[in-house]
Amino acid sequence: MANQLGEFTAAALASSQMGTLGTWVYGVAFSLQVYFDFSGYSDMAIGLGSMLGFKFPENFNYPFISKSVSEFWRRWHMTLGSWFRDYVYIPLGGNRVRLPRWLLNMLIVWLLTGFWHGAAWNYVVWGLYFALLLAVEKLFLGKLLDRLPAFVSRLYTLLALLVSFIIFGSESLSDGMELLRALFGAGQTASSVDMVYAMRNYAGVLLVALIGCTPLPKYAIGKLSGSGKVKNVLNVLEPAACAALLLVATAHLVDGSFNPFLYFRF
């Protein structure tokens, strides 16, 4: 899934003009690409570790259903968040300090988080962006989000995350700012023919990815398995489906070229 999304994002960046709609689709696709790439190899590490007798913690918990940026970071890359909490944030005093010192603690943690991903200005801005959002949510916005309808809180969170992923995935800060201007309708708004062609070709992949990043498939299977007859059928089909997927994945790896995880860049 991540590789297919990566093909689309590469085609989008290579197009002569994304336009406003194309930039939105690109931002969504890149966000999902990072998620499926990173959560996929985290799950592989957990599974391989389990085979060798090691128990690794979960690293993702459906982050894109979050109702705030704070909740997102409790669901996304949870091992990194817990490491910075235990070894940087708490030793600095955490939130048990005066407001100016707490804001400084947040700034330090997120600057370091940005530098952890790479020594470039877009990562610094990405870290400062999250420091600002998290501080604002902690000070007053979080209480407002709790009172708003869930879909409004999720919409705010997804928009904030879309901006962050565009900054995060850009080759440079200037490229990221250019994409953000296009995202909000500044400059040329129409998409080029090659961008429209790419969106049409990868629409099915994007739809599957959007559904797959939510708990809906797990919920549907849970509902179906509640029936006795269906549960018996699923018990037979599950190992067969896993074996078939293993064969398909192995054949794809043997036939394909080297394709490293996207997150190795960071």
Protein backbone atom coordinates (compact mmCIF):
# COMPACT_ATOMS: atom_id res chain seq x y z
CA MET A 1 0.00 0.00 0.00
CA ALA A 2 2.75 2.44 0.94
CA ASN A 3 4.61 1.71 -2.30
CA GLN A 4 1.51 2.38 -4.39
CA LEU A 5 0.90 5.65 -2.57
CA GLY A 6 4.56 6.49 -3.06
CA GLU A 7 4.18 6.04 -6.81
CA PHE A 8 1.34 8.55 -6.76
CA THR A 9 3.19 11.13 -4.64
CA ALA A 10 6.24 10.82 -6.92
CA ALA A 11 4.02 11.35 -9.98
CA ALA A 12 2.38 14.35 -8.28
CA LEU A 13 5.72 16.00 -7.50
CA ALA A 14 6.89 15.33 -11.07
CA SER A 15 3.78 16.89 -12.59
CA SER A 16 4.06 20.31 -14.18
CA GLN A 17 1.37 21.78 -11.93
CA MET A 18 -0.50 20.23 -9.00
CA GLY A 19 -3.14 22.90 -8.55
CA THR A 20 -5.19 23.32 -5.39
CA LEU A 21 -7.13 20.04 -5.63
CA GLY A 22 -4.00 18.11 -6.59
CA THR A 23 -2.09 19.53 -3.62
CA TRP A 24 -4.84 18.43 -1.25
CA VAL A 25 -4.84 14.94 -2.73
CA TYR A 26 -1.02 14.84 -2.63
CA GLY A 27 -1.02 15.86 1.05
CA VAL A 28 -3.53 13.15 1.94
CA ALA A 29 -1.63 10.54 -0.08
CA PHE A 30 1.73 11.43 1.47
CA SER A 31 0.26 11.33 4.99
CA LEU A 32 -1.13 7.86 4.31
CA GLN A 33 2.12 6.76 2.67
CA VAL A 34 4.12 7.63 5.78
CA TYR A 35 1.53 5.94 8.00
CA PHE A 36 1.36 2.66 6.09
CA ASP A 37 5.12 2.57 5.56
CA PHE A 38 6.02 3.22 9.19
CA SER A 39 3.20 1.30 10.88
CA GLY A 40 3.81 -1.57 8.46
CA TYR A 41 7.45 -2.05 9.35
CA SER A 42 6.63 -1.48 13.04
CA ASP A 43 4.17 -4.37 12.84
CA MET A 44 6.80 -6.46 11.04
CA ALA A 45 9.27 -5.74 13.84
CA ILE A 46 6.68 -6.68 16.46
CA GLY A 47 5.88 -9.93 14.65
CA LEU A 48 9.52 -10.91 14.07
CA GLY A 49 10.35 -10.06 17.67
CA SER A 50 7.50 -12.21 18.88
CA MET A 51 8.83 -15.14 16.81
CA LEU A 52 12.18 -14.75 18.59
CA GLY A 53 10.65 -14.41 22.06
CA PHE A 54 10.70 -10.60 22.36
CA LYS A 55 7.64 -8.46 23.10
CA PHE A 56 7.73 -5.00 21.53
CA PRO A 57 5.09 -2.34 22.28
CA GLU A 58 2.56 -1.16 19.74
CA ASN A 59 3.66 1.93 17.86
CA PHE A 60 0.42 3.10 16.21
CA ASN A 61 -3.21 3.11 17.25
CA TYR A 62 -5.37 4.50 14.43
CA PRO A 63 -3.90 8.02 14.72
CA PHE A 64 -6.05 9.57 12.00
CA ILE A 65 -9.25 9.22 14.02
CA SER A 66 -7.88 11.57 16.71
CA LYS A 67 -9.98 14.51 17.91
CA SER A 68 -6.97 16.70 18.72
CA VAL A 69 -3.29 16.99 17.91
CA SER A 70 -2.53 15.97 21.50
CA GLU A 71 -4.48 12.74 21.01
CA PHE A 72 -2.76 12.19 17.67
CA TRP A 73 0.64 12.14 19.37
CA ARG A 74 -0.66 9.61 21.89
CA ARG A 75 -1.54 7.35 18.94
CA TRP A 76 1.30 8.07 16.48
CA HIS A 77 4.88 6.78 16.93
CA MET A 78 4.07 6.02 20.56
CA THR A 79 7.54 4.67 21.36
CA LEU A 80 9.20 7.93 20.28
CA GLY A 81 6.71 9.97 22.26
CA SER A 82 7.27 7.92 25.40
CA TRP A 83 11.08 8.18 25.00
CA PHE A 84 11.01 11.98 24.75
CA ARG A 85 8.55 12.13 27.65
CA ASP A 86 10.67 9.95 29.94
CA TYR A 87 14.15 11.17 29.02
CA VAL A 88 13.64 14.82 28.03
CA TYR A 89 10.27 16.28 29.03
CA ILE A 90 10.00 14.91 32.59
CA PRO A 91 13.68 15.59 33.49
CA LEU A 92 13.12 19.20 32.38
CA GLY A 93 10.24 19.45 34.84
CA GLY A 94 7.35 18.44 32.62
CA ASN A 95 4.21 20.46 33.29
CA ARG A 96 4.86 20.79 37.03
CA VAL A 97 6.53 24.15 36.55
CA ARG A 98 5.48 27.74 35.94
CA LEU A 99 3.90 28.55 32.58
CA PRO A 100 6.96 30.22 30.98
CA ARG A 101 9.18 27.27 31.94
CA TRP A 102 6.59 24.78 30.68
CA LEU A 103 6.45 26.57 27.33
CA LEU A 104 10.26 26.40 27.19
CA ASN A 105 10.13 22.66 27.96
CA MET A 106 7.68 22.15 25.10
CA LEU A 107 9.88 24.18 22.78
CA ILE A 108 12.98 22.14 23.67
CA VAL A 109 11.22 18.78 23.28
CA TRP A 110 9.77 19.61 19.87
CA LEU A 111 12.92 21.23 18.56
CA LEU A 112 14.75 18.03 19.46
CA THR A 113 11.96 15.97 17.87
CA GLY A 114 12.38 17.98 14.69
CA PHE A 115 16.16 17.53 14.69
CA TRP A 116 15.68 13.81 15.39
CA HIS A 117 14.06 13.52 11.96
CA GLY A 118 16.78 15.46 10.16
CA ALA A 119 19.02 18.52 10.19
CA ALA A 120 16.97 20.72 7.86
CA TRP A 121 14.87 23.84 8.31
CA ASN A 122 11.62 22.13 7.35
CA TYR A 123 12.05 19.70 10.28
CA VAL A 124 12.76 22.59 12.65
CA VAL A 125 9.61 24.40 11.47
CA TRP A 126 7.68 21.11 11.70
CA GLY A 127 8.75 20.72 15.33
CA LEU A 128 7.91 24.34 16.20
CA TYR A 129 4.56 23.95 14.48
CA PHE A 130 3.61 21.04 16.74
CA ALA A 131 4.99 22.81 19.82
CA LEU A 132 2.67 25.73 19.05
CA LEU A 133 -0.38 23.55 18.39
CA LEU A 134 0.13 21.45 21.52
CA ALA A 135 0.68 24.52 23.69
CA VAL A 136 -2.48 26.19 22.35
CA GLU A 137 -4.50 23.01 22.92
CA LYS A 138 -3.15 22.68 26.46
CA LEU A 139 -3.87 26.32 27.33
CA PHE A 140 -7.42 26.69 25.99
CA LEU A 141 -8.24 24.99 22.67
CA GLY A 142 -8.40 21.47 24.10
CA LYS A 143 -11.40 22.35 26.30
CA LEU A 144 -13.19 23.85 23.31
CA LEU A 145 -12.49 20.76 21.18
CA ASP A 146 -13.99 18.56 23.90
CA ARG A 147 -17.26 20.49 23.66
CA LEU A 148 -17.46 20.52 19.87
CA PRO A 149 -19.07 17.71 17.84
CA ALA A 150 -16.62 14.88 17.14
CA PHE A 151 -16.58 15.44 13.38
CA VAL A 152 -15.57 19.11 13.86
CA SER A 153 -12.71 18.16 16.19
CA ARG A 154 -11.55 15.47 13.77
CA LEU A 155 -11.76 17.88 10.84
CA TYR A 156 -9.58 20.41 12.68
CA THR A 157 -7.08 17.68 13.56
CA LEU A 158 -6.88 16.31 10.02
CA LEU A 159 -6.34 19.79 8.58
CA ALA A 160 -3.58 20.51 11.12
CA LEU A 161 -1.95 17.17 10.30
CA LEU A 162 -2.20 17.71 6.55
CA VAL A 163 -0.24 20.96 6.89
CA SER A 164 2.35 19.22 9.08
CA PHE A 165 2.89 16.36 6.62
CA ILE A 166 3.38 18.75 3.72
CA ILE A 167 6.06 20.61 5.71
CA PHE A 168 7.58 17.32 6.85
CA GLY A 169 7.79 15.69 3.42
CA SER A 170 9.18 18.62 1.47
CA GLU A 171 12.74 18.61 0.17
CA SER A 172 13.26 22.11 1.54
CA LEU A 173 11.39 24.73 3.55
CA SER A 174 10.80 26.84 0.44
CA ASP A 175 9.25 23.84 -1.35
CA GLY A 176 7.00 23.24 1.64
CA MET A 177 5.85 26.87 1.72
CA GLU A 178 5.10 26.72 -2.01
CA LEU A 179 2.96 23.62 -1.51
CA LEU A 180 1.13 25.26 1.39
CA ARG A 181 0.36 28.30 -0.76
CA ALA A 182 -1.08 25.98 -3.40
CA LEU A 183 -3.02 24.08 -0.73
CA PHE A 184 -4.90 27.23 0.26
CA GLY A 185 -5.52 28.44 -3.29
CA ALA A 186 -2.64 30.88 -3.78
CA GLY A 187 -1.06 30.97 -7.23
CA GLN A 188 -2.19 28.63 -10.01
CA THR A 189 -5.22 26.64 -8.85
CA ALA A 190 -5.85 24.39 -11.86
CA SER A 191 -4.21 20.95 -12.02
CA SER A 192 -2.19 19.92 -15.07
CA VAL A 193 -3.28 17.06 -17.32
CA ASP A 194 -0.64 14.70 -15.92
CA MET A 195 -1.76 15.49 -12.34
CA VAL A 196 -5.40 14.79 -13.20
CA TYR A 197 -4.32 11.56 -14.90
CA ALA A 198 -2.39 10.47 -11.78
CA MET A 199 -5.33 11.24 -9.48
CA ARG A 200 -7.67 9.23 -11.69
CA ASN A 201 -5.30 6.24 -11.88
CA TYR A 202 -4.69 6.06 -8.13
CA ALA A 203 -8.21 6.92 -6.92
CA GLY A 204 -8.89 3.28 -5.97
CA VAL A 205 -5.64 2.98 -4.01
CA LEU A 206 -6.41 6.19 -2.13
CA LEU A 207 -9.92 4.99 -1.28
CA VAL A 208 -8.65 1.65 0.07
CA ALA A 209 -5.95 3.46 2.06
CA LEU A 210 -8.47 5.89 3.56
CA ILE A 211 -10.65 3.00 4.74
CA GLY A 212 -7.67 0.94 5.90
CA CYS A 213 -6.32 3.65 8.21
CA THR A 214 -9.54 3.58 10.26
CA PRO A 215 -10.94 0.91 12.62
CA LEU A 216 -13.79 0.20 10.15
CA PRO A 217 -12.34 -3.06 8.71
CA LYS A 218 -11.61 -4.39 12.21
CA TYR A 219 -15.09 -3.34 13.37
CA ALA A 220 -16.76 -5.01 10.37
CA ILE A 221 -14.87 -8.28 10.91
CA GLY A 222 -15.74 -8.17 14.61
CA LYS A 223 -19.42 -7.77 13.78
CA LEU A 224 -19.35 -10.58 11.23
CA SER A 225 -17.53 -12.94 13.58
CA GLY A 226 -20.33 -12.52 16.13
CA SER A 227 -22.42 -14.96 14.11
CA GLY A 228 -21.63 -18.61 14.76
CA LYS A 229 -21.67 -19.75 11.14
CA VAL A 230 -19.73 -16.74 9.88
CA LYS A 231 -17.20 -17.17 12.68
CA ASN A 232 -16.54 -20.76 11.61
CA VAL A 233 -16.04 -19.65 8.01
CA LEU A 234 -13.67 -16.86 9.11
CA ASN A 235 -11.67 -19.30 11.23
CA VAL A 236 -11.04 -21.33 8.07
CA LEU A 237 -10.47 -18.38 5.74
CA GLU A 238 -8.12 -16.39 8.01
CA PRO A 239 -5.11 -18.76 7.89
CA ALA A 240 -5.71 -19.39 4.17
CA ALA A 241 -5.83 -15.65 3.46
CA CYS A 242 -2.67 -15.04 5.52
CA ALA A 243 -0.85 -17.80 3.62
CA ALA A 244 -1.98 -16.37 0.29
CA LEU A 245 -0.85 -12.87 1.29
CA LEU A 246 2.53 -14.25 2.37
CA LEU A 247 2.99 -15.92 -1.02
CA VAL A 248 1.94 -12.78 -2.92
CA ALA A 249 4.22 -10.55 -0.81
CA THR A 250 7.16 -12.94 -1.23
CA ALA A 251 6.63 -13.12 -5.00
CA HIS A 252 6.45 -9.32 -5.18
CA LEU A 253 9.71 -8.96 -3.24
CA VAL A 254 11.48 -11.51 -5.43
CA ASP A 255 10.24 -9.92 -8.65
CA GLY A 256 10.57 -6.28 -7.59
CA SER A 257 13.55 -3.99 -7.19
CA PHE A 258 15.01 -2.71 -3.92
CA ASN A 259 12.54 -0.34 -2.25
CA PRO A 260 13.58 0.85 1.21
CA PHE A 261 11.12 2.10 3.82
CA LEU A 262 10.20 5.74 3.32
CA TYR A 263 10.89 6.51 6.97
CA PHE A 264 14.57 5.61 6.50
CA ARG A 265 14.90 9.14 5.11
CA PHE A 266 14.21 10.63 8.54
